[in-house]
C-alpha atoms as a PDB file:
ATOM      1  CA  MET A   1      -4.677 -32.559   9.170  1.00  0.00           C
ATOM      2  CA  ILE A   2      -3.729 -28.909  10.124  1.00  0.00           C
ATOM      3  CA  ASP A   3      -2.026 -27.358   6.840  1.00  0.00           C
ATOM      4  CA  THR A   4       1.280 -25.801   8.239  1.00  0.00           C
ATOM      5  CA  GLN A   5       2.292 -24.381   4.804  1.00  0.00           C
ATOM      6  CA  PRO A   6       2.449 -20.706   4.549  1.00  0.00           C
ATOM      7  CA  TYR A   7       0.080 -18.749   2.474  1.00  0.00           C
ATOM      8  CA  ILE A   8       1.259 -17.444  -0.324  1.00  0.00           C
ATOM      9  CA  PHE A   9      -0.224 -14.259  -1.950  1.00  0.00           C
ATOM     10  CA  PRO A  10      -1.243 -14.299  -5.177  1.00  0.00           C
ATOM     11  CA  LYS A  11       0.909 -11.910  -7.752  1.00  0.00           C
ATOM     12  CA  LEU A  12      -0.942  -8.279  -7.874  1.00  0.00           C
ATOM     13  CA  ASP A  13      -0.334  -5.692 -10.367  1.00  0.00           C
ATOM     14  CA  ASP A  14      -0.588  -2.801  -8.186  1.00  0.00           C
ATOM     15  CA  GLU A  15       0.844   0.411  -9.203  1.00  0.00           C
ATOM     16  CA  PRO A  16       3.385   1.405  -7.072  1.00  0.00           C
ATOM     17  CA  VAL A  17       2.209   4.223  -4.684  1.00  0.00           C
ATOM     18  CA  SER A  18       3.248   7.812  -6.019  1.00  0.00           C
ATOM     19  CA  PHE A  19       2.982  11.351  -4.775  1.00  0.00           C
ATOM     20  CA  LEU A  20      -0.306  11.980  -6.322  1.00  0.00           C
ATOM     21  CA  ASN A  21      -1.777   9.181  -4.094  1.00  0.00           C
ATOM     22  CA  VAL A  22      -0.474  10.940  -0.824  1.00  0.00           C
ATOM     23  CA  SER A  23      -1.836  14.400  -1.959  1.00  0.00           C
ATOM     24  CA  PHE A  24      -5.294  12.597  -2.656  1.00  0.00           C
ATOM     25  CA  ALA A  25      -4.938  11.162   0.626  1.00  0.00           C
ATOM     26  CA  ALA A  26      -4.066  14.325   2.788  1.00  0.00           C
ATOM     27  CA  SER A  27      -6.744  16.604   0.947  1.00  0.00           C
ATOM     28  CA  LEU A  28      -9.041  14.730   3.146  1.00  0.00           C
ATOM     29  CA  LEU A  29      -7.734  16.668   6.007  1.00  0.00           C
ATOM     30  CA  ALA A  30      -9.577  19.522   4.589  1.00  0.00           C
ATOM     31  CA  ILE A  31     -12.535  18.177   5.854  1.00  0.00           C
ATOM     32  CA  ASN A  32     -11.583  18.596   9.329  1.00  0.00           C
ATOM     33  CA  GLY A  33     -10.395  21.893   8.647  1.00  0.00           C
ATOM     34  CA  VAL A  34     -13.844  23.016   7.429  1.00  0.00           C
ATOM     35  CA  LEU A  35     -15.512  21.324  10.245  1.00  0.00           C
ATOM     36  CA  SER A  36     -13.088  23.358  12.509  1.00  0.00           C
ATOM     37  CA  VAL A  37     -13.834  26.491  11.044  1.00  0.00           C
ATOM     38  CA  VAL A  38     -17.819  25.781  11.217  1.00  0.00           C
ATOM     39  CA  LEU A  39     -17.766  24.420  14.740  1.00  0.00           C
ATOM     40  CA  GLY A  40     -15.282  27.085  16.303  1.00  0.00           C
ATOM     41  CA  LEU A  41     -13.221  24.133  17.477  1.00  0.00           C
ATOM     42  CA  GLY A  42      -9.904  26.307  16.998  1.00  0.00           C
ATOM     43  CA  ILE A  43      -7.646  23.722  15.978  1.00  0.00           C
ATOM     44  CA  THR A  44      -7.228  24.528  11.788  1.00  0.00           C
ATOM     45  CA  LYS A  45      -3.923  26.170  12.475  1.00  0.00           C
ATOM     46  CA  THR A  46      -2.739  22.990  14.778  1.00  0.00           C
ATOM     47  CA  LEU A  47      -4.098  20.525  11.931  1.00  0.00           C
ATOM     48  CA  ALA A  48      -2.374  22.611   9.119  1.00  0.00           C
ATOM     49  CA  ILE A  49       1.094  22.683  11.179  1.00  0.00           C
ATOM     50  CA  ALA A  50       0.317  19.038  12.224  1.00  0.00           C
ATOM     51  CA  ALA A  51       0.010  17.993   8.850  1.00  0.00           C
ATOM     52  CA  ILE A  52       2.851  19.710   7.242  1.00  0.00           C
ATOM     53  CA  ARG A  53       5.247  18.528   9.955  1.00  0.00           C
ATOM     54  CA  CYS A  54       3.803  14.720   9.313  1.00  0.00           C
ATOM     55  CA  LEU A  55       4.552  15.103   5.322  1.00  0.00           C
ATOM     56  CA  VAL A  56       8.050  16.706   5.869  1.00  0.00           C
ATOM     57  CA  GLN A  57       9.059  14.443   8.529  1.00  0.00           C
ATOM     58  CA  LEU A  58       8.160  11.311   6.643  1.00  0.00           C
ATOM     59  CA  THR A  59      10.057  12.427   3.617  1.00  0.00           C
ATOM     60  CA  ILE A  60      13.091  13.235   5.757  1.00  0.00           C
ATOM     61  CA  MET A  61      12.943  10.062   7.624  1.00  0.00           C
ATOM     62  CA  SER A  62      12.740   8.085   4.030  1.00  0.00           C
ATOM     63  CA  LEU A  63      15.915   9.753   2.744  1.00  0.00           C
ATOM     64  CA  VAL A  64      17.620   9.087   5.889  1.00  0.00           C
ATOM     65  CA  LEU A  65      16.668   5.569   6.640  1.00  0.00           C
ATOM     66  CA  LYS A  66      17.078   4.660   3.058  1.00  0.00           C
ATOM     67  CA  ARG A  67      20.773   4.971   3.852  1.00  0.00           C
ATOM     68  CA  VAL A  68      20.966   3.897   7.351  1.00  0.00           C
ATOM     69  CA  LEU A  69      19.004   0.753   6.770  1.00  0.00           C
ATOM     70  CA  LEU A  70      21.310  -0.869   4.430  1.00  0.00           C
ATOM     71  CA  SER A  71      24.371  -0.379   6.652  1.00  0.00           C
ATOM     72  CA  THR A  72      25.799  -2.805   8.810  1.00  0.00           C
ATOM     73  CA  ASN A  73      27.432  -0.790  11.311  1.00  0.00           C
ATOM     74  CA  THR A  74      25.517  -0.971  13.900  1.00  0.00           C
ATOM     75  CA  GLY A  75      26.689   2.470  15.406  1.00  0.00           C
ATOM     76  CA  TYR A  76      24.287   4.010  12.885  1.00  0.00           C
ATOM     77  CA  SER A  77      21.431   2.084  15.165  1.00  0.00           C
ATOM     78  CA  VAL A  78      22.733   3.392  18.278  1.00  0.00           C
ATOM     79  CA  LEU A  79      23.513   7.178  17.037  1.00  0.00           C
ATOM     80  CA  MET A  80      19.918   7.202  15.158  1.00  0.00           C
ATOM     81  CA  THR A  81      17.989   5.783  18.390  1.00  0.00           C
ATOM     82  CA  SER A  82      19.533   8.367  20.595  1.00  0.00           C
ATOM     83  CA  ILE A  83      18.401  11.131  18.038  1.00  0.00           C
ATOM     84  CA  LEU A  84      14.623   9.809  17.986  1.00  0.00           C
ATOM     85  CA  ALA A  85      14.650   9.721  22.183  1.00  0.00           C
ATOM     86  CA  ALA A  86      16.098  13.382  21.648  1.00  0.00           C
ATOM     87  CA  LEU A  87      12.945  14.334  19.542  1.00  0.00           C
ATOM     88  CA  ALA A  88      10.679  12.172  21.320  1.00  0.00           C
ATOM     89  CA  ALA A  89      11.540  13.838  24.783  1.00  0.00           C
ATOM     90  CA  TYR A  90      11.725  17.622  23.280  1.00  0.00           C
ATOM     91  CA  GLU A  91       8.252  16.863  21.646  1.00  0.00           C
ATOM     92  CA  ILE A  92       6.815  15.667  25.183  1.00  0.00           C
ATOM     93  CA  THR A  93       8.315  18.623  27.151  1.00  0.00           C
ATOM     94  CA  TYR A  94       7.790  21.676  24.679  1.00  0.00           C
ATOM     95  CA  TRP A  95       4.999  20.666  22.366  1.00  0.00           C
ATOM     96  CA  ARG A  96       2.795  17.669  24.349  1.00  0.00           C
ATOM     97  CA  SER A  97       3.185  19.386  28.039  1.00  0.00           C
ATOM     98  CA  THR A  98       1.276  22.920  29.120  1.00  0.00           C
ATOM     99  CA  LYS A  99       3.450  22.923  32.366  1.00  0.00           C
ATOM    100  CA  ARG A 100       7.048  22.671  32.824  1.00  0.00           C
ATOM    101  CA  ILE A 101       9.765  22.441  35.688  1.00  0.00           C
ATOM    102  CA  PRO A 102      13.577  22.826  35.993  1.00  0.00           C
ATOM    103  CA  ARG A 103      15.266  19.834  33.825  1.00  0.00           C
ATOM    104  CA  MET A 104      12.095  18.418  32.607  1.00  0.00           C
ATOM    105  CA  TYR A 105      13.785  17.615  29.362  1.00  0.00           C
ATOM    106  CA  ILE A 106      16.686  16.049  30.839  1.00  0.00           C
ATOM    107  CA  ALA A 107      14.669  13.667  33.053  1.00  0.00           C
ATOM    108  CA  THR A 108      12.254  12.708  30.013  1.00  0.00           C
ATOM    109  CA  PHE A 109      14.936  12.110  27.838  1.00  0.00           C
ATOM    110  CA  ILE A 110      16.453   9.741  30.425  1.00  0.00           C
ATOM    111  CA  SER A 111      13.352   7.920  30.843  1.00  0.00           C
ATOM    112  CA  VAL A 112      11.950   7.860  27.534  1.00  0.00           C
ATOM    113  CA  TYR A 113      15.722   6.721  26.260  1.00  0.00           C
ATOM    114  CA  SER A 114      16.489   3.959  29.038  1.00  0.00           C
ATOM    115  CA  SER A 115      13.100   2.307  29.210  1.00  0.00           C
ATOM    116  CA  SER A 116      13.137   2.109  25.183  1.00  0.00           C
ATOM    117  CA  MET A 117      16.391   1.101  24.846  1.00  0.00           C
ATOM    118  CA  PHE A 118      16.360  -1.800  27.298  1.00  0.00           C
ATOM    119  CA  ILE A 119      12.718  -3.001  25.614  1.00  0.00           C
ATOM    120  CA  GLY A 120      14.262  -2.777  22.214  1.00  0.00           C
ATOM    121  CA  THR A 121      17.578  -4.521  22.853  1.00  0.00           C
ATOM    122  CA  LEU A 122      15.638  -7.480  24.709  1.00  0.00           C
ATOM    123  CA  GLY A 123      12.902  -7.338  22.192  1.00  0.00           C
ATOM    124  CA  SER A 124      15.329  -7.444  19.002  1.00  0.00           C
ATOM    125  CA  SER A 125      17.811  -9.953  20.494  1.00  0.00           C
ATOM    126  CA  PHE A 126      14.796 -12.580  21.656  1.00  0.00           C
ATOM    127  CA  GLY A 127      12.161 -11.632  19.745  1.00  0.00           C
ATOM    128  CA  LEU A 128      12.993 -11.192  16.415  1.00  0.00           C
ATOM    129  CA  ASN A 129      16.263 -12.901  16.487  1.00  0.00           C
ATOM    130  CA  ALA A 130      18.210 -10.324  15.139  1.00  0.00           C
ATOM    131  CA  LYS A 131      21.856 -11.121  14.555  1.00  0.00           C
ATOM    132  CA  PRO A 132      23.545  -8.457  15.253  1.00  0.00           C
ATOM    133  CA  THR A 133      21.382  -7.162  18.060  1.00  0.00           C
ATOM    134  CA  TRP A 134      21.245  -3.895  16.716  1.00  0.00           C
ATOM    135  CA  ALA A 135      20.748  -4.475  13.154  1.00  0.00           C
ATOM    136  CA  ALA A 136      19.614  -1.448  11.667  1.00  0.00           C
ATOM    137  CA  TYR A 137      16.856  -3.195   9.257  1.00  0.00           C
ATOM    138  CA  LYS A 138      15.053  -4.376  12.516  1.00  0.00           C
ATOM    139  CA  PHE A 139      15.915  -2.614  15.414  1.00  0.00           C
ATOM    140  CA  ILE A 140      15.493   1.202  14.359  1.00  0.00           C
ATOM    141  CA  PRO A 141      11.722   0.493  13.077  1.00  0.00           C
ATOM    142  CA  THR A 142      10.992  -0.977  16.339  1.00  0.00           C
ATOM    143  CA  MET A 143      12.715   1.529  18.183  1.00  0.00           C
ATOM    144  CA  GLY A 144      10.299   4.026  16.368  1.00  0.00           C
ATOM    145  CA  MET A 145       7.298   2.011  17.587  1.00  0.00           C
ATOM    146  CA  LEU A 146       8.429   2.112  20.913  1.00  0.00           C
ATOM    147  CA  PHE A 147       9.303   5.683  20.894  1.00  0.00           C
ATOM    148  CA  GLY A 148       5.873   6.314  19.506  1.00  0.00           C
ATOM    149  CA  ASN A 149       4.072   4.356  22.196  1.00  0.00           C
ATOM    150  CA  CYS A 150       6.304   5.770  25.145  1.00  0.00           C
ATOM    151  CA  MET A 151       5.505   9.173  23.897  1.00  0.00           C
ATOM    152  CA  VAL A 152       1.381   9.062  24.546  1.00  0.00           C
ATOM    153  CA  GLY A 153       2.088   6.987  28.055  1.00  0.00           C
ATOM    154  CA  VAL A 154       4.609   9.675  29.143  1.00  0.00           C
ATOM    155  CA  THR A 155       2.615  12.710  28.129  1.00  0.00           C
ATOM    156  CA  MET A 156      -0.487  10.658  30.110  1.00  0.00           C
ATOM    157  CA  GLY A 157       1.379  10.697  33.185  1.00  0.00           C
ATOM    158  CA  ILE A 158       3.153  13.789  33.319  1.00  0.00           C
ATOM    159  CA  LYS A 159      -0.452  15.495  32.418  1.00  0.00           C
ATOM    160  CA  SER A 160      -1.885  13.360  35.167  1.00  0.00           C
ATOM    161  CA  ILE A 161       0.377  14.602  37.953  1.00  0.00           C
ATOM    162  CA  PHE A 162       0.228  18.501  36.744  1.00  0.00           C
ATOM    163  CA  ASP A 163      -3.375  18.327  37.195  1.00  0.00           C
ATOM    164  CA  ILE A 164      -3.423  16.218  40.493  1.00  0.00           C
ATOM    165  CA  LEU A 165      -0.794  18.955  41.898  1.00  0.00           C
ATOM    166  CA  THR A 166      -2.786  21.986  40.645  1.00  0.00           C
ATOM    167  CA  THR A 167      -6.285  20.442  41.719  1.00  0.00           C
ATOM    168  CA  ASN A 168      -4.798  19.077  45.209  1.00  0.00           C
ATOM    169  CA  LYS A 169      -2.166  22.092  45.980  1.00  0.00           C
ATOM    170  CA  GLU A 170      -3.820  22.808  49.328  1.00  0.00           C
ATOM    171  CA  GLU A 171      -4.622  19.527  50.446  1.00  0.00           C
ATOM    172  CA  ILE A 172      -0.887  18.287  49.711  1.00  0.00           C
ATOM    173  CA  GLU A 173       0.603  21.481  51.427  1.00  0.00           C
ATOM    174  CA  MET A 174      -1.690  20.990  54.629  1.00  0.00           C
ATOM    175  CA  ASN A 175      -0.674  17.104  54.689  1.00  0.00           C
ATOM    176  CA  LEU A 176       3.210  18.174  54.597  1.00  0.00           C
ATOM    177  CA  ALA A 177       2.923  20.910  57.555  1.00  0.00           C
ATOM    178  CA  TYR A 178       1.365  17.887  59.548  1.00  0.00           C
ATOM    179  CA  GLY A 179       4.399  16.250  58.706  1.00  0.00           C
ATOM    180  CA  ALA A 180       3.752  13.824  56.000  1.00  0.00           C
ATOM    181  CA  THR A 181       6.748  12.700  53.967  1.00  0.00           C
ATOM    182  CA  ARG A 182       7.469  13.359  50.257  1.00  0.00           C
ATOM    183  CA  PHE A 183       7.317   9.372  49.602  1.00  0.00           C
ATOM    184  CA  GLU A 184       3.867   9.478  51.123  1.00  0.00           C
ATOM    185  CA  ILE A 185       2.687  12.307  49.294  1.00  0.00           C
ATOM    186  CA  CYS A 186       4.225  11.129  45.630  1.00  0.00           C
ATOM    187  CA  LYS A 187       2.930   7.412  46.027  1.00  0.00           C
ATOM    188  CA  PRO A 188      -0.707   8.052  45.121  1.00  0.00           C
ATOM    189  CA  ILE A 189      -0.006  10.724  42.641  1.00  0.00           C
ATOM    190  CA  LEU A 190       2.226   8.225  41.001  1.00  0.00           C
ATOM    191  CA  ALA A 191      -0.013   5.515  41.260  1.00  0.00           C
ATOM    192  CA  GLN A 192      -2.478   7.484  39.395  1.00  0.00           C
ATOM    193  CA  ALA A 193      -0.251   8.783  36.709  1.00  0.00           C
ATOM    194  CA  MET A 194       0.838   5.487  36.151  1.00  0.00           C
ATOM    195  CA  ARG A 195      -2.430   4.147  35.783  1.00  0.00           C
ATOM    196  CA  ASN A 196      -3.584   7.092  33.379  1.00  0.00           C
ATOM    197  CA  ALA A 197      -0.581   6.510  31.492  1.00  0.00           C
ATOM    198  CA  LEU A 198      -1.256   2.525  30.849  1.00  0.00           C
ATOM    199  CA  ILE A 199      -4.770   3.153  29.669  1.00  0.00           C
ATOM    200  CA  PRO A 200      -4.000   3.695  26.008  1.00  0.00           C
ATOM    201  CA  THR A 201      -1.724   0.905  26.009  1.00  0.00           C
ATOM    202  CA  ILE A 202      -4.506  -1.680  27.738  1.00  0.00           C
ATOM    203  CA  ASN A 203      -7.066  -0.153  25.354  1.00  0.00           C
ATOM    204  CA  ASN A 204      -4.946  -0.596  22.091  1.00  0.00           C
ATOM    205  CA  MET A 205      -4.055  -4.521  23.215  1.00  0.00           C
ATOM    206  CA  SER A 206      -7.654  -4.933  23.749  1.00  0.00           C
ATOM    207  CA  ILE A 207      -8.677  -4.781  20.482  1.00  0.00           C
ATOM    208  CA  THR A 208      -5.840  -5.747  18.649  1.00  0.00           C
ATOM    209  CA  GLY A 209      -6.860  -8.553  16.385  1.00  0.00           C
ATOM    210  CA  LEU A 210     -10.507  -8.171  17.154  1.00  0.00           C
ATOM    211  CA  ILE A 211     -11.444  -4.697  15.919  1.00  0.00           C
ATOM    212  CA  SER A 212      -7.773  -3.291  14.940  1.00  0.00           C
ATOM    213  CA  ILE A 213      -4.886  -4.645  12.616  1.00  0.00           C
ATOM    214  CA  PRO A 214      -1.884  -2.815  14.208  1.00  0.00           C
ATOM    215  CA  GLY A 215       1.094  -0.942  12.119  1.00  0.00           C
ATOM    216  CA  MET A 216       3.560  -3.847  12.291  1.00  0.00           C
ATOM    217  CA  MET A 217       1.262  -6.664  11.162  1.00  0.00           C
ATOM    218  CA  THR A 218      -0.232  -4.357   8.261  1.00  0.00           C
ATOM    219  CA  GLY A 219       2.958  -3.425   7.217  1.00  0.00           C
ATOM    220  CA  GLN A 220       4.193  -6.805   6.794  1.00  0.00           C
ATOM    221  CA  ILE A 221       1.091  -7.879   5.198  1.00  0.00           C
ATOM    222  CA  LEU A 222       1.254  -5.341   2.583  1.00  0.00           C
ATOM    223  CA  GLY A 223       4.915  -6.475   2.326  1.00  0.00           C
ATOM    224  CA  GLY A 224       3.835  -9.680   1.234  1.00  0.00           C
ATOM    225  CA  ALA A 225       4.944 -11.460   4.442  1.00  0.00           C
ATOM    226  CA  ASP A 226       2.681 -14.479   5.602  1.00  0.00           C
ATOM    227  CA  VAL A 227       0.164 -13.511   7.772  1.00  0.00           C
ATOM    228  CA  THR A 228       0.918 -16.000  10.866  1.00  0.00           C
ATOM    229  CA  GLN A 229       4.463 -14.423  10.607  1.00  0.00           C
ATOM    230  CA  ALA A 230       2.963 -11.279  10.217  1.00  0.00           C
ATOM    231  CA  ALA A 231       1.500 -11.659  13.725  1.00  0.00           C
ATOM    232  CA  TYR A 232       4.280 -12.891  15.628  1.00  0.00           C
ATOM    233  CA  TYR A 233       6.195 -10.278  14.642  1.00  0.00           C
ATOM    234  CA  GLN A 234       3.077  -7.779  16.360  1.00  0.00           C
ATOM    235  CA  GLU A 235       3.151  -9.932  19.279  1.00  0.00           C
ATOM    236  CA  LYS A 236       6.931  -9.990  19.793  1.00  0.00           C
END
């Protein structure tokens, strides 16, 4: 007979994580910095900036979310989501992409915001059973993960498009000169870009639960939730 009762973790007397613990973990990044200098990788400055940004951004985010997540006003959820989407689009356009075109930021923002909001709303309402749908304590963390995954895919897709256009510039111009339509030119480029954009997602799904324990499930377990419920949240 299968036991359907949730497993209750034993009460552990772990000390709360302090800034000293965080500092020790962050100091391990110095190993990468040393390797960069020794091997001439040229990423020491980039690594230092990324580490400082991570620390500052997470600290600010924790202070903001502490107030927002306790609010029952769904307007805060929409506002916070819009801010996160704007920052994600800025990161993709001005930090991740080496090439840019006019109005690229606007197009990126619309793409990231509309797709993530659509999926996040459906997931929050039907997958997470949130009431109301845009309840901050569930909706904002979910949207944060969606934006993170979306940024990887969009960045890969944009890079792929620019690489193809640069490499096959003469061939594309020749096909246009012989009467090829924009649709005929863009279709294979977009198809390849979409394949490249989906590679990280497919790879992550392939190893999830076999090699890696993903973020949401890990957070639920560390918070003391039932493992099965944690798995359900990750699957949703």
